[in-house]
Amino acid sequence: MKARNELRLLPWLGPDGKPCYLSTDDSDGHMSRLADNIEAVQLGMAAELLKQAQELLDDGDTEAEELRLLAAQLTGALRDALRVATSRGCRLATPESHCS
């Protein structure tokens, strides 16, 4: 089995809520491509949510409930974006780096 820093952190959690990792040398394999596509969707959704957030924040009549929903959605998007960044950063890291 590969060391943890040689595994790819996938953009989804397992059924028990723990991170999922992929062990493969094939960056063009089915699971790698699936993970790449999901990461792209997650980042695209985050970018779209950021635009919507700016519109809501610019609107002086935004209700507190709308802002709570926005905060919840932004929290999820930020969590996804950080997972993508961590995964990509670990794949760029040197062998001495410690990713988990």
Protein backbone atom coordinates (compact mmCIF):
# COMPACT_ATOMS: atom_id res chain seq x y z
CA MET A 1 0.00 0.00 0.00
CA LYS A 2 1.15 3.50 -0.74
CA ALA A 3 2.02 6.05 1.93
CA ARG A 4 -0.82 8.46 2.68
CA ASN A 5 0.94 11.35 0.93
CA GLU A 6 1.07 9.22 -2.26
CA LEU A 7 -2.70 8.73 -2.27
CA ARG A 8 -5.15 11.09 -3.96
CA LEU A 9 -7.69 12.69 -1.67
CA LEU A 10 -11.02 12.32 -3.45
CA PRO A 11 -13.61 15.12 -3.57
CA TRP A 12 -16.20 13.16 -1.59
CA LEU A 13 -16.50 11.52 1.81
CA GLY A 14 -17.07 7.86 2.54
CA PRO A 15 -20.29 6.53 4.06
CA ASP A 16 -18.87 7.01 7.54
CA GLY A 17 -18.00 10.66 6.84
CA LYS A 18 -14.27 10.01 6.58
CA PRO A 19 -12.07 11.10 3.67
CA CYS A 20 -11.72 8.75 0.69
CA TYR A 21 -8.39 8.18 -1.03
CA LEU A 22 -7.45 6.72 -4.40
CA SER A 23 -4.34 4.64 -4.90
CA THR A 24 -3.39 4.56 -8.56
CA ASP A 25 -0.51 5.37 -10.87
CA ASP A 26 -2.97 6.07 -13.71
CA SER A 27 -3.95 9.74 -13.58
CA ASP A 28 -6.18 9.12 -16.63
CA GLY A 29 -8.04 6.16 -15.14
CA HIS A 30 -11.80 6.09 -14.66
CA MET A 31 -11.76 7.04 -10.96
CA SER A 32 -9.20 9.80 -11.53
CA ARG A 33 -11.29 11.29 -14.33
CA LEU A 34 -14.44 11.01 -12.21
CA ALA A 35 -12.70 12.84 -9.35
CA ASP A 36 -11.41 15.51 -11.78
CA ASN A 37 -14.93 16.05 -13.12
CA ILE A 38 -16.48 16.28 -9.67
CA GLU A 39 -13.79 18.75 -8.57
CA ALA A 40 -14.54 20.88 -11.63
CA VAL A 41 -18.26 20.86 -10.83
CA GLN A 42 -17.61 21.73 -7.18
CA LEU A 43 -15.35 24.65 -8.11
CA GLY A 44 -17.81 25.87 -10.75
CA MET A 45 -20.67 25.76 -8.24
CA ALA A 46 -18.53 27.67 -5.73
CA ALA A 47 -17.79 30.38 -8.31
CA GLU A 48 -21.48 30.69 -9.14
CA LEU A 49 -22.40 30.83 -5.43
CA LEU A 50 -19.83 33.57 -4.90
CA LYS A 51 -21.56 35.69 -7.56
CA GLN A 52 -24.94 35.10 -5.91
CA ALA A 53 -23.49 35.92 -2.50
CA GLN A 54 -22.17 39.25 -3.73
CA GLU A 55 -25.58 40.12 -5.17
CA LEU A 56 -27.32 39.26 -1.87
CA LEU A 57 -24.79 41.23 0.14
CA ASP A 58 -25.14 44.24 -2.17
CA ASP A 59 -28.92 44.17 -1.70
CA GLY A 60 -29.77 46.18 1.38
CA ASP A 61 -33.14 44.40 1.72
CA THR A 62 -31.74 40.87 2.14
CA GLU A 63 -33.50 39.07 5.00
CA ALA A 64 -31.65 37.37 7.85
CA GLU A 65 -32.98 33.96 6.77
CA GLU A 66 -31.51 34.47 3.29
CA LEU A 67 -28.16 35.35 4.84
CA ARG A 68 -28.24 32.21 7.04
CA LEU A 69 -28.94 30.06 3.98
CA LEU A 70 -26.15 31.83 2.11
CA ALA A 71 -23.73 31.20 4.99
CA ALA A 72 -24.63 27.50 5.01
CA GLN A 73 -24.13 27.21 1.24
CA LEU A 74 -20.85 29.13 1.35
CA THR A 75 -19.63 26.88 4.17
CA GLY A 76 -20.25 23.79 2.04
CA ALA A 77 -18.62 25.36 -1.01
CA LEU A 78 -15.59 26.42 1.01
CA ARG A 79 -15.27 22.91 2.47
CA ASP A 80 -15.33 21.43 -1.05
CA ALA A 81 -12.83 23.99 -2.38
CA LEU A 82 -10.42 23.31 0.48
CA ARG A 83 -10.63 19.56 -0.16
CA VAL A 84 -9.86 20.17 -3.85
CA ALA A 85 -6.94 22.46 -2.96
CA THR A 86 -5.57 19.94 -0.47
CA SER A 87 -5.85 17.11 -2.97
CA ARG A 88 -4.17 19.06 -5.75
CA GLY A 89 -1.50 20.45 -3.45
CA CYS A 90 -0.60 16.99 -2.23
CA ARG A 91 -0.24 15.75 -5.80
CA LEU A 92 2.19 18.60 -6.49
CA ALA A 93 4.10 18.12 -3.24
CA THR A 94 7.59 16.78 -2.97
CA PRO A 95 8.18 13.35 -1.39
CA GLU A 96 9.21 15.08 1.84
CA SER A 97 5.85 16.83 2.18
CA HIS A 98 3.28 15.60 4.67
CA CYS A 99 -0.26 15.58 3.38
CA SER A 100 -3.25 14.06 5.09
